[in-house]
């Protein structure tokens, strides 16, 4: 009984720090709870059978300002606010599917006073290179092939910069430039050479 009372008291104290008695999210984010983002918004998360719905709430009135959903076929991984390009404003990163090795994320960014879908990315993980200002995800295909896809996050969304395929079987790499490659200042030949050198290293 004492433990139940202590739990109820803790929940009550946590709710007192949120507008309208909203239930704050724990880590990881669960369902039917709220969390603030870097723009000062309150966002509620609600899970359905095959989707997750995010609602941007008005702290004063408690009313919904925006409601958006994404299909979600795996619920082992929870959404998170994560600054994927290190600009000081976290994006909303929602895992939507998980295969044998790779995970797929929906990336939502706060722009023009609302969340907009920046794009979908698949791979083993999301990385950021401060030197090139690129977001990268490397996906595995079988035991011998991998592809690194790189992007730059713009107000219009994720802009593909290049795809780099590496073949472990013969140590070769092939680069395909994307829409943002010409403005990246990168050298395609140098990237391929570096990739092949790393593959052949002992």
Protein backbone atom coordinates (compact mmCIF):
# COMPACT_ATOMS: atom_id res chain seq x y z
CA UNK A 1 0.00 0.00 0.00
CA UNK A 2 2.85 2.37 0.86
CA UNK A 3 4.50 1.70 -2.51
CA UNK A 4 1.24 2.39 -4.35
CA UNK A 5 0.81 5.64 -2.43
CA UNK A 6 4.38 6.71 -3.23
CA UNK A 7 3.89 5.96 -6.94
CA UNK A 8 0.62 7.90 -7.07
CA UNK A 9 2.26 10.83 -5.27
CA UNK A 10 5.17 10.86 -7.74
CA UNK A 11 2.82 10.84 -10.74
CA UNK A 12 0.81 13.66 -9.16
CA UNK A 13 3.95 15.75 -8.66
CA UNK A 14 5.09 15.13 -12.24
CA UNK A 15 1.69 16.11 -13.64
CA UNK A 16 1.72 19.31 -11.58
CA UNK A 17 4.72 20.44 -13.66
CA UNK A 18 2.83 20.02 -16.93
CA UNK A 19 -0.06 22.14 -18.24
CA UNK A 20 -3.59 20.76 -17.83
CA UNK A 21 -2.35 17.77 -15.83
CA UNK A 22 -0.84 16.12 -18.90
CA UNK A 23 1.16 12.97 -18.19
CA UNK A 24 4.87 13.56 -18.90
CA UNK A 25 6.81 10.99 -20.91
CA UNK A 26 9.44 8.80 -19.35
CA UNK A 27 12.57 7.62 -21.16
CA UNK A 28 12.03 5.98 -23.53
CA UNK A 29 8.90 7.79 -24.69
CA UNK A 30 5.79 5.66 -24.23
CA UNK A 31 2.18 6.25 -25.27
CA UNK A 32 -0.43 8.78 -24.10
CA UNK A 33 2.19 11.16 -22.69
CA UNK A 34 3.64 14.59 -23.47
CA UNK A 35 7.11 16.07 -23.82
CA UNK A 36 8.45 19.51 -24.71
CA UNK A 37 10.70 20.03 -27.73
CA UNK A 38 13.49 22.56 -28.31
CA UNK A 39 11.02 25.02 -29.84
CA UNK A 40 8.99 25.08 -26.60
CA UNK A 41 6.10 23.00 -27.93
CA UNK A 42 4.26 20.33 -25.99
CA UNK A 43 3.97 17.16 -28.08
CA UNK A 44 1.71 14.22 -27.18
CA UNK A 45 2.47 10.68 -28.38
CA UNK A 46 -0.28 8.09 -28.95
CA UNK A 47 0.31 4.59 -30.30
CA UNK A 48 -2.14 2.66 -32.45
CA UNK A 49 -1.91 -0.86 -33.83
CA UNK A 50 0.25 0.09 -36.83
CA UNK A 51 0.87 3.80 -36.40
CA UNK A 52 1.98 6.44 -33.96
CA UNK A 53 0.27 9.82 -33.77
CA UNK A 54 1.96 13.02 -32.61
CA UNK A 55 -0.09 16.03 -31.52
CA UNK A 56 1.34 19.52 -30.97
CA UNK A 57 -0.63 21.05 -28.08
CA UNK A 58 -1.24 24.66 -27.11
CA UNK A 59 0.01 25.12 -23.55
CA UNK A 60 -2.52 27.86 -22.81
CA UNK A 61 -5.74 26.35 -24.14
CA UNK A 62 -4.76 22.69 -24.18
CA UNK A 63 -6.10 22.43 -27.73
CA UNK A 64 -4.36 20.65 -30.60
CA UNK A 65 -2.42 22.89 -32.99
CA UNK A 66 -1.20 20.10 -35.27
CA UNK A 67 -1.84 16.40 -35.58
CA UNK A 68 0.26 14.04 -37.70
CA UNK A 69 0.81 10.28 -37.91
CA UNK A 70 3.24 7.81 -39.40
CA UNK A 71 2.94 4.09 -40.05
CA UNK A 72 4.87 2.06 -37.56
CA UNK A 73 5.32 -1.68 -37.95
CA UNK A 74 7.63 -2.23 -35.01
CA UNK A 75 7.11 -0.90 -31.49
CA UNK A 76 10.40 -2.14 -30.03
CA UNK A 77 12.00 1.25 -30.72
CA UNK A 78 10.56 4.47 -29.36
CA UNK A 79 10.48 7.99 -30.89
CA UNK A 80 12.92 10.56 -29.61
CA UNK A 81 13.88 14.21 -29.97
CA UNK A 82 17.41 14.21 -31.40
CA UNK A 83 19.47 17.00 -32.94
CA UNK A 84 20.66 15.02 -35.95
CA UNK A 85 22.52 17.94 -37.58
CA UNK A 86 23.76 19.67 -34.42
CA UNK A 87 22.09 23.02 -35.13
CA UNK A 88 20.64 23.39 -31.64
CA UNK A 89 17.08 22.41 -32.60
CA UNK A 90 16.22 18.74 -32.15
CA UNK A 91 14.30 16.85 -34.81
CA UNK A 92 11.59 14.31 -34.03
CA UNK A 93 13.00 10.90 -34.99
CA UNK A 94 10.39 8.12 -35.24
CA UNK A 95 11.51 4.51 -35.90
CA UNK A 96 8.93 3.04 -38.28
CA UNK A 97 10.26 -0.38 -39.27
CA UNK A 98 13.01 -2.82 -38.35
CA UNK A 99 14.41 -5.50 -40.60
CA UNK A 100 16.99 -8.17 -39.90
CA UNK A 101 19.76 -5.57 -39.66
CA UNK A 102 18.51 -2.15 -40.69
CA UNK A 103 16.13 0.27 -39.04
CA UNK A 104 13.97 2.87 -40.84
CA UNK A 105 13.27 6.30 -39.33
CA UNK A 106 10.83 9.06 -40.21
CA UNK A 107 12.54 12.41 -39.62
CA UNK A 108 10.27 15.37 -38.75
CA UNK A 109 11.62 18.90 -38.39
CA UNK A 110 10.10 22.01 -36.86
CA UNK A 111 9.79 24.63 -39.61
CA UNK A 112 7.36 27.46 -40.30
CA UNK A 113 5.62 26.88 -36.96
CA UNK A 114 4.77 23.23 -37.59
CA UNK A 115 6.36 19.82 -37.95
CA UNK A 116 7.06 18.74 -41.52
CA UNK A 117 8.34 15.40 -42.76
CA UNK A 118 11.98 15.87 -43.78
CA UNK A 119 12.27 12.34 -45.15
CA UNK A 120 12.81 8.68 -44.34
CA UNK A 121 16.22 7.13 -43.71
CA UNK A 122 17.27 3.48 -43.33
CA UNK A 123 20.41 1.96 -41.88
CA UNK A 124 22.17 0.61 -38.82
CA UNK A 125 22.26 4.02 -37.16
CA UNK A 126 22.22 7.78 -37.75
CA UNK A 127 25.54 9.65 -37.67
CA UNK A 128 26.57 13.27 -38.13
CA UNK A 129 29.87 14.54 -39.54
CA UNK A 130 30.50 18.09 -38.33
CA UNK A 131 33.35 18.60 -40.82
CA UNK A 132 31.14 18.00 -43.86
CA UNK A 133 27.78 18.90 -42.20
CA UNK A 134 26.36 15.62 -43.49
CA UNK A 135 23.96 13.15 -41.91
CA UNK A 136 24.80 9.54 -42.78
CA UNK A 137 23.18 6.13 -42.45
CA UNK A 138 24.92 2.93 -43.47
CA UNK A 139 22.72 -0.04 -44.39
CA UNK A 140 23.86 -3.65 -44.73
CA UNK A 141 22.71 -5.95 -47.53
CA UNK A 142 23.69 -9.55 -46.87
CA UNK A 143 27.15 -10.33 -45.57
CA UNK A 144 29.22 -8.65 -48.28
CA UNK A 145 27.55 -5.38 -49.30
CA UNK A 146 26.82 -2.08 -47.60
CA UNK A 147 25.59 1.33 -48.71
CA UNK A 148 26.25 4.63 -46.98
CA UNK A 149 23.61 7.25 -47.78
CA UNK A 150 24.38 10.85 -46.87
CA UNK A 151 22.09 13.85 -46.57
CA UNK A 152 22.05 17.51 -45.68
CA UNK A 153 19.06 18.77 -43.71
CA UNK A 154 17.55 21.86 -45.33
CA UNK A 155 14.29 23.71 -44.55
CA UNK A 156 12.78 21.84 -47.50
CA UNK A 157 13.80 18.47 -46.02
CA UNK A 158 16.60 15.94 -46.36
CA UNK A 159 18.64 16.52 -49.52
CA UNK A 160 20.57 13.44 -50.76
CA UNK A 161 24.28 14.22 -51.20
CA UNK A 162 25.73 10.86 -52.25
CA UNK A 163 25.34 7.09 -51.96
CA UNK A 164 28.50 5.05 -51.49
CA UNK A 165 28.25 1.29 -52.10
CA UNK A 166 31.05 -0.91 -50.76
CA UNK A 167 31.60 -4.54 -51.76
CA UNK A 168 33.51 -6.53 -49.19
CA UNK A 169 33.99 -9.42 -51.63
CA UNK A 170 36.33 -7.54 -53.97
CA UNK A 171 37.15 -4.40 -51.97
CA UNK A 172 35.52 -2.04 -54.47
CA UNK A 173 33.44 1.08 -53.84
CA UNK A 174 31.08 3.00 -56.13
CA UNK A 175 29.75 6.50 -55.53
CA UNK A 176 26.49 7.87 -56.92
CA UNK A 177 26.10 11.65 -56.49
CA UNK A 178 22.78 13.04 -55.30
CA UNK A 179 21.04 16.38 -55.76
CA UNK A 180 23.20 18.07 -53.14
CA UNK A 181 26.60 16.76 -54.21
CA UNK A 182 27.57 19.67 -56.47
CA UNK A 183 27.21 22.12 -53.57
CA UNK A 184 28.93 19.90 -51.01
CA UNK A 185 32.53 20.70 -51.97
CA UNK A 186 33.37 16.99 -51.80
CA UNK A 187 35.57 15.08 -54.24
CA UNK A 188 33.99 11.87 -55.56
CA UNK A 189 37.31 10.24 -56.47
CA UNK A 190 38.77 10.97 -53.05
CA UNK A 191 35.75 9.46 -51.31
CA UNK A 192 35.96 6.28 -53.39
CA UNK A 193 39.72 5.98 -52.79
CA UNK A 194 39.26 6.41 -49.04
CA UNK A 195 36.46 3.82 -49.01
CA UNK A 196 38.53 1.22 -50.90
CA UNK A 197 41.59 1.87 -48.73
CA UNK A 198 39.54 1.23 -45.60
CA UNK A 199 38.06 -1.97 -47.06
CA UNK A 200 41.49 -3.37 -47.90
CA UNK A 201 43.07 -2.40 -44.60
CA UNK A 202 44.02 -5.42 -42.42
